[in-house]
Each structure stands twice: as C-alpha cells, then as structure tokens.
Amino acid sequence: MLIVDETGDEKSSTDCVGAARQYSGALGGIGLRQVTVRLTYTSRHGHAPIDRALYLGAEWAADEERRLRPIAWMSHQ
C-alpha cells in the first residue's frame, strides 16, 4: 500500500523555502507554514519511505528570483 502524507511545519519567516500563509489542520486555521509531501510504502512486513517533496505554493512558484537563489535551496537540505 502507498501512503501520501503532507506535513506542515510552522515557520517564523517567509525566508524559509516554500513558507507561506496556508491552512493547517494541526493549527486549526491559517498560519505561516512550510509543507512537505511524503510517499511511503507500507505492508505487513514493515514500511519504507519512497520520496518526499517540498510543496511550493503559487507565490513561491511565480517568484523566479526567489526560487533560484542558491542559499534558499541549501537551507532545505
């Protein structure tokens, strides 16, 4: 079975890659969040991560200058 899970981490600044004001069920509302989407394989024998990706909202995706800043991607490793 494959499981897709999104995890939102609270951030204090929009300088964090992908951070934007977005809805969070854990917060029960809108807050400054960075969202990661994970894909995991699971079976009765165990589980294993397959992949993960940082979600970039429309504001980040549309801002080429901010997306291409090398320091931005280095901070997410």
N, C-alpha and C. Protein backbone atom coordinates (compact mmCIF):
# COMPACT_ATOMS: atom_id res chain seq x y z
N MET A 1 0.84 -1.16 0.00
CA MET A 1 0.00 0.00 0.00
C MET A 1 0.89 1.24 0.00
N LEU A 2 0.48 2.25 -0.73
CA LEU A 2 1.20 3.52 -0.75
C LEU A 2 0.45 4.55 0.09
N ILE A 3 1.19 5.31 0.85
CA ILE A 3 0.61 6.35 1.69
C ILE A 3 1.20 7.69 1.27
N VAL A 4 0.34 8.66 1.00
CA VAL A 4 0.77 10.02 0.71
C VAL A 4 0.39 10.86 1.91
N ASP A 5 1.37 11.57 2.47
CA ASP A 5 1.14 12.35 3.68
C ASP A 5 1.74 13.74 3.50
N GLU A 6 1.00 14.73 3.91
CA GLU A 6 1.52 16.10 3.90
C GLU A 6 1.77 16.52 5.34
N THR A 7 2.90 17.14 5.56
CA THR A 7 3.26 17.60 6.89
C THR A 7 3.57 19.07 6.82
N GLY A 8 2.92 19.84 7.65
CA GLY A 8 3.15 21.28 7.69
C GLY A 8 3.95 21.66 8.92
N ASP A 9 5.07 22.31 8.71
CA ASP A 9 5.90 22.78 9.82
C ASP A 9 5.75 24.28 9.96
N GLU A 10 5.51 24.72 11.18
CA GLU A 10 5.35 26.15 11.44
C GLU A 10 6.68 26.86 11.24
N LYS A 11 6.64 28.01 10.59
CA LYS A 11 7.85 28.81 10.33
C LYS A 11 7.65 30.21 10.87
N SER A 12 8.76 30.90 11.13
CA SER A 12 8.67 32.26 11.67
C SER A 12 8.95 33.32 10.62
N SER A 13 9.35 32.87 9.39
CA SER A 13 9.72 33.84 8.36
C SER A 13 9.42 33.27 6.98
N THR A 14 9.08 34.14 6.04
CA THR A 14 8.86 33.70 4.66
C THR A 14 10.19 33.50 3.94
N ASP A 15 11.32 33.72 4.63
CA ASP A 15 12.62 33.44 4.04
C ASP A 15 12.87 31.94 3.93
N CYS A 16 12.16 31.13 4.71
CA CYS A 16 12.28 29.67 4.61
C CYS A 16 11.68 29.24 3.28
N VAL A 17 12.37 28.35 2.58
CA VAL A 17 11.92 27.92 1.25
C VAL A 17 10.49 27.36 1.34
N GLY A 18 9.60 27.91 0.52
CA GLY A 18 8.23 27.43 0.44
C GLY A 18 7.30 27.92 1.55
N ALA A 19 7.82 28.64 2.53
CA ALA A 19 6.99 29.11 3.63
C ALA A 19 5.98 30.15 3.14
N ALA A 20 4.74 29.95 3.52
CA ALA A 20 3.67 30.88 3.13
C ALA A 20 2.51 30.72 4.10
N ARG A 21 1.62 31.68 4.09
CA ARG A 21 0.42 31.57 4.92
C ARG A 21 -0.51 30.57 4.25
N GLN A 22 -0.75 29.44 4.92
CA GLN A 22 -1.60 28.39 4.38
C GLN A 22 -2.32 27.67 5.51
N TYR A 23 -3.38 26.97 5.13
CA TYR A 23 -4.20 26.27 6.11
C TYR A 23 -3.43 25.10 6.70
N SER A 24 -3.61 24.88 8.00
CA SER A 24 -3.04 23.74 8.69
C SER A 24 -4.09 23.14 9.61
N GLY A 25 -4.39 21.87 9.42
CA GLY A 25 -5.32 21.18 10.30
C GLY A 25 -4.81 21.14 11.72
N ALA A 26 -3.49 20.97 11.89
CA ALA A 26 -2.90 20.91 13.23
C ALA A 26 -3.07 22.24 13.96
N LEU A 27 -2.96 23.34 13.22
CA LEU A 27 -3.16 24.66 13.82
C LEU A 27 -4.64 25.01 13.94
N GLY A 28 -5.45 24.33 13.14
CA GLY A 28 -6.88 24.64 13.13
C GLY A 28 -7.18 25.95 12.40
N GLY A 29 -6.30 26.34 11.51
CA GLY A 29 -6.51 27.58 10.77
C GLY A 29 -5.32 27.89 9.88
N ILE A 30 -5.22 29.17 9.55
CA ILE A 30 -4.16 29.61 8.64
C ILE A 30 -2.97 30.11 9.45
N GLY A 31 -1.78 29.72 9.02
CA GLY A 31 -0.56 30.16 9.67
C GLY A 31 0.59 30.10 8.69
N LEU A 32 1.74 30.59 9.11
CA LEU A 32 2.93 30.55 8.27
C LEU A 32 3.51 29.15 8.34
N ARG A 33 3.41 28.42 7.22
CA ARG A 33 3.78 27.00 7.19
C ARG A 33 4.68 26.69 6.00
N GLN A 34 5.46 25.64 6.16
CA GLN A 34 6.24 25.03 5.08
C GLN A 34 5.72 23.61 4.97
N VAL A 35 5.25 23.20 3.80
CA VAL A 35 4.59 21.91 3.64
C VAL A 35 5.49 20.95 2.85
N THR A 36 5.64 19.74 3.39
CA THR A 36 6.38 18.67 2.73
C THR A 36 5.40 17.53 2.46
N VAL A 37 5.46 16.96 1.26
CA VAL A 37 4.62 15.83 0.90
C VAL A 37 5.53 14.61 0.83
N ARG A 38 5.10 13.53 1.51
CA ARG A 38 5.90 12.30 1.57
C ARG A 38 5.13 11.13 0.99
N LEU A 39 5.85 10.23 0.31
CA LEU A 39 5.29 9.00 -0.22
C LEU A 39 5.99 7.83 0.48
N THR A 40 5.19 6.95 1.09
CA THR A 40 5.73 5.82 1.85
C THR A 40 5.06 4.53 1.41
N TYR A 41 5.85 3.47 1.31
CA TYR A 41 5.32 2.13 1.04
C TYR A 41 5.16 1.43 2.38
N THR A 42 4.03 0.76 2.56
CA THR A 42 3.81 0.00 3.79
C THR A 42 3.18 -1.35 3.47
N SER A 43 3.53 -2.34 4.28
CA SER A 43 2.94 -3.68 4.17
C SER A 43 2.96 -4.31 5.55
N ARG A 44 2.50 -5.54 5.66
CA ARG A 44 2.50 -6.21 6.96
C ARG A 44 3.92 -6.51 7.43
N HIS A 45 4.89 -6.39 6.53
CA HIS A 45 6.29 -6.65 6.87
C HIS A 45 7.04 -5.40 7.33
N GLY A 46 6.45 -4.25 7.13
CA GLY A 46 7.11 -3.01 7.53
C GLY A 46 6.77 -1.86 6.59
N HIS A 47 7.56 -0.82 6.67
CA HIS A 47 7.33 0.34 5.81
C HIS A 47 8.67 0.94 5.40
N ALA A 48 8.64 1.70 4.29
CA ALA A 48 9.86 2.35 3.79
C ALA A 48 9.49 3.63 3.06
N PRO A 49 10.22 4.71 3.35
CA PRO A 49 9.99 5.95 2.61
C PRO A 49 10.43 5.79 1.15
N ILE A 50 9.64 6.34 0.24
CA ILE A 50 9.97 6.27 -1.18
C ILE A 50 10.50 7.61 -1.67
N ASP A 51 9.78 8.69 -1.34
CA ASP A 51 10.18 10.01 -1.83
C ASP A 51 9.55 11.08 -0.97
N ARG A 52 10.08 12.29 -1.09
CA ARG A 52 9.49 13.46 -0.43
C ARG A 52 9.73 14.67 -1.32
N ALA A 53 8.86 15.64 -1.19
CA ALA A 53 9.00 16.86 -2.00
C ALA A 53 8.48 18.04 -1.19
N LEU A 54 9.15 19.14 -1.34
CA LEU A 54 8.72 20.38 -0.71
C LEU A 54 7.65 21.01 -1.60
N TYR A 55 6.51 21.33 -1.01
CA TYR A 55 5.43 21.97 -1.76
C TYR A 55 5.73 23.45 -1.88
N LEU A 56 5.74 23.96 -3.12
CA LEU A 56 5.89 25.39 -3.34
C LEU A 56 4.54 25.95 -3.78
N GLY A 57 3.99 26.82 -2.97
CA GLY A 57 2.72 27.44 -3.31
C GLY A 57 2.86 28.39 -4.48
N ALA A 58 1.75 28.95 -4.93
CA ALA A 58 1.73 29.81 -6.11
C ALA A 58 2.66 31.01 -5.97
N GLU A 59 2.72 31.60 -4.77
CA GLU A 59 3.57 32.78 -4.55
C GLU A 59 5.05 32.44 -4.77
N TRP A 60 5.49 31.32 -4.24
CA TRP A 60 6.87 30.90 -4.42
C TRP A 60 7.13 30.47 -5.86
N ALA A 61 6.22 29.70 -6.43
CA ALA A 61 6.41 29.19 -7.79
C ALA A 61 6.49 30.32 -8.81
N ALA A 62 5.80 31.42 -8.57
CA ALA A 62 5.77 32.54 -9.52
C ALA A 62 6.97 33.47 -9.36
N ASP A 63 7.72 33.35 -8.27
CA ASP A 63 8.83 34.28 -7.99
C ASP A 63 10.16 33.62 -8.38
N GLU A 64 10.53 33.77 -9.66
CA GLU A 64 11.72 33.10 -10.19
C GLU A 64 12.99 33.52 -9.45
N GLU A 65 13.11 34.80 -9.14
CA GLU A 65 14.32 35.28 -8.46
C GLU A 65 14.50 34.58 -7.11
N ARG A 66 13.42 34.50 -6.34
CA ARG A 66 13.49 33.85 -5.02
C ARG A 66 13.74 32.36 -5.15
N ARG A 67 13.12 31.71 -6.14
CA ARG A 67 13.31 30.26 -6.36
C ARG A 67 14.73 29.92 -6.73
N LEU A 68 15.39 30.79 -7.47
CA LEU A 68 16.72 30.48 -7.99
C LEU A 68 17.87 30.89 -7.07
N ARG A 69 17.56 31.53 -5.95
CA ARG A 69 18.62 31.90 -5.01
C ARG A 69 19.28 30.64 -4.45
N PRO A 70 20.57 30.45 -4.67
CA PRO A 70 21.24 29.22 -4.21
C PRO A 70 21.10 29.00 -2.71
N ILE A 71 21.19 30.05 -1.94
CA ILE A 71 21.12 29.89 -0.49
C ILE A 71 19.77 29.33 -0.06
N ALA A 72 18.71 29.64 -0.79
CA ALA A 72 17.38 29.14 -0.44
C ALA A 72 17.34 27.62 -0.50
N TRP A 73 17.89 27.03 -1.55
CA TRP A 73 17.83 25.57 -1.67
C TRP A 73 18.81 24.90 -0.72
N MET A 74 19.93 25.55 -0.43
CA MET A 74 20.88 24.96 0.51
C MET A 74 20.29 24.86 1.91
N SER A 75 19.42 25.79 2.28
CA SER A 75 18.84 25.78 3.62
C SER A 75 17.84 24.66 3.82
N HIS A 76 17.39 24.02 2.75
CA HIS A 76 16.38 22.97 2.89
C HIS A 76 16.98 21.56 2.90
N GLN A 77 18.26 21.43 2.73
CA GLN A 77 18.88 20.10 2.68
C GLN A 77 18.89 19.43 4.02
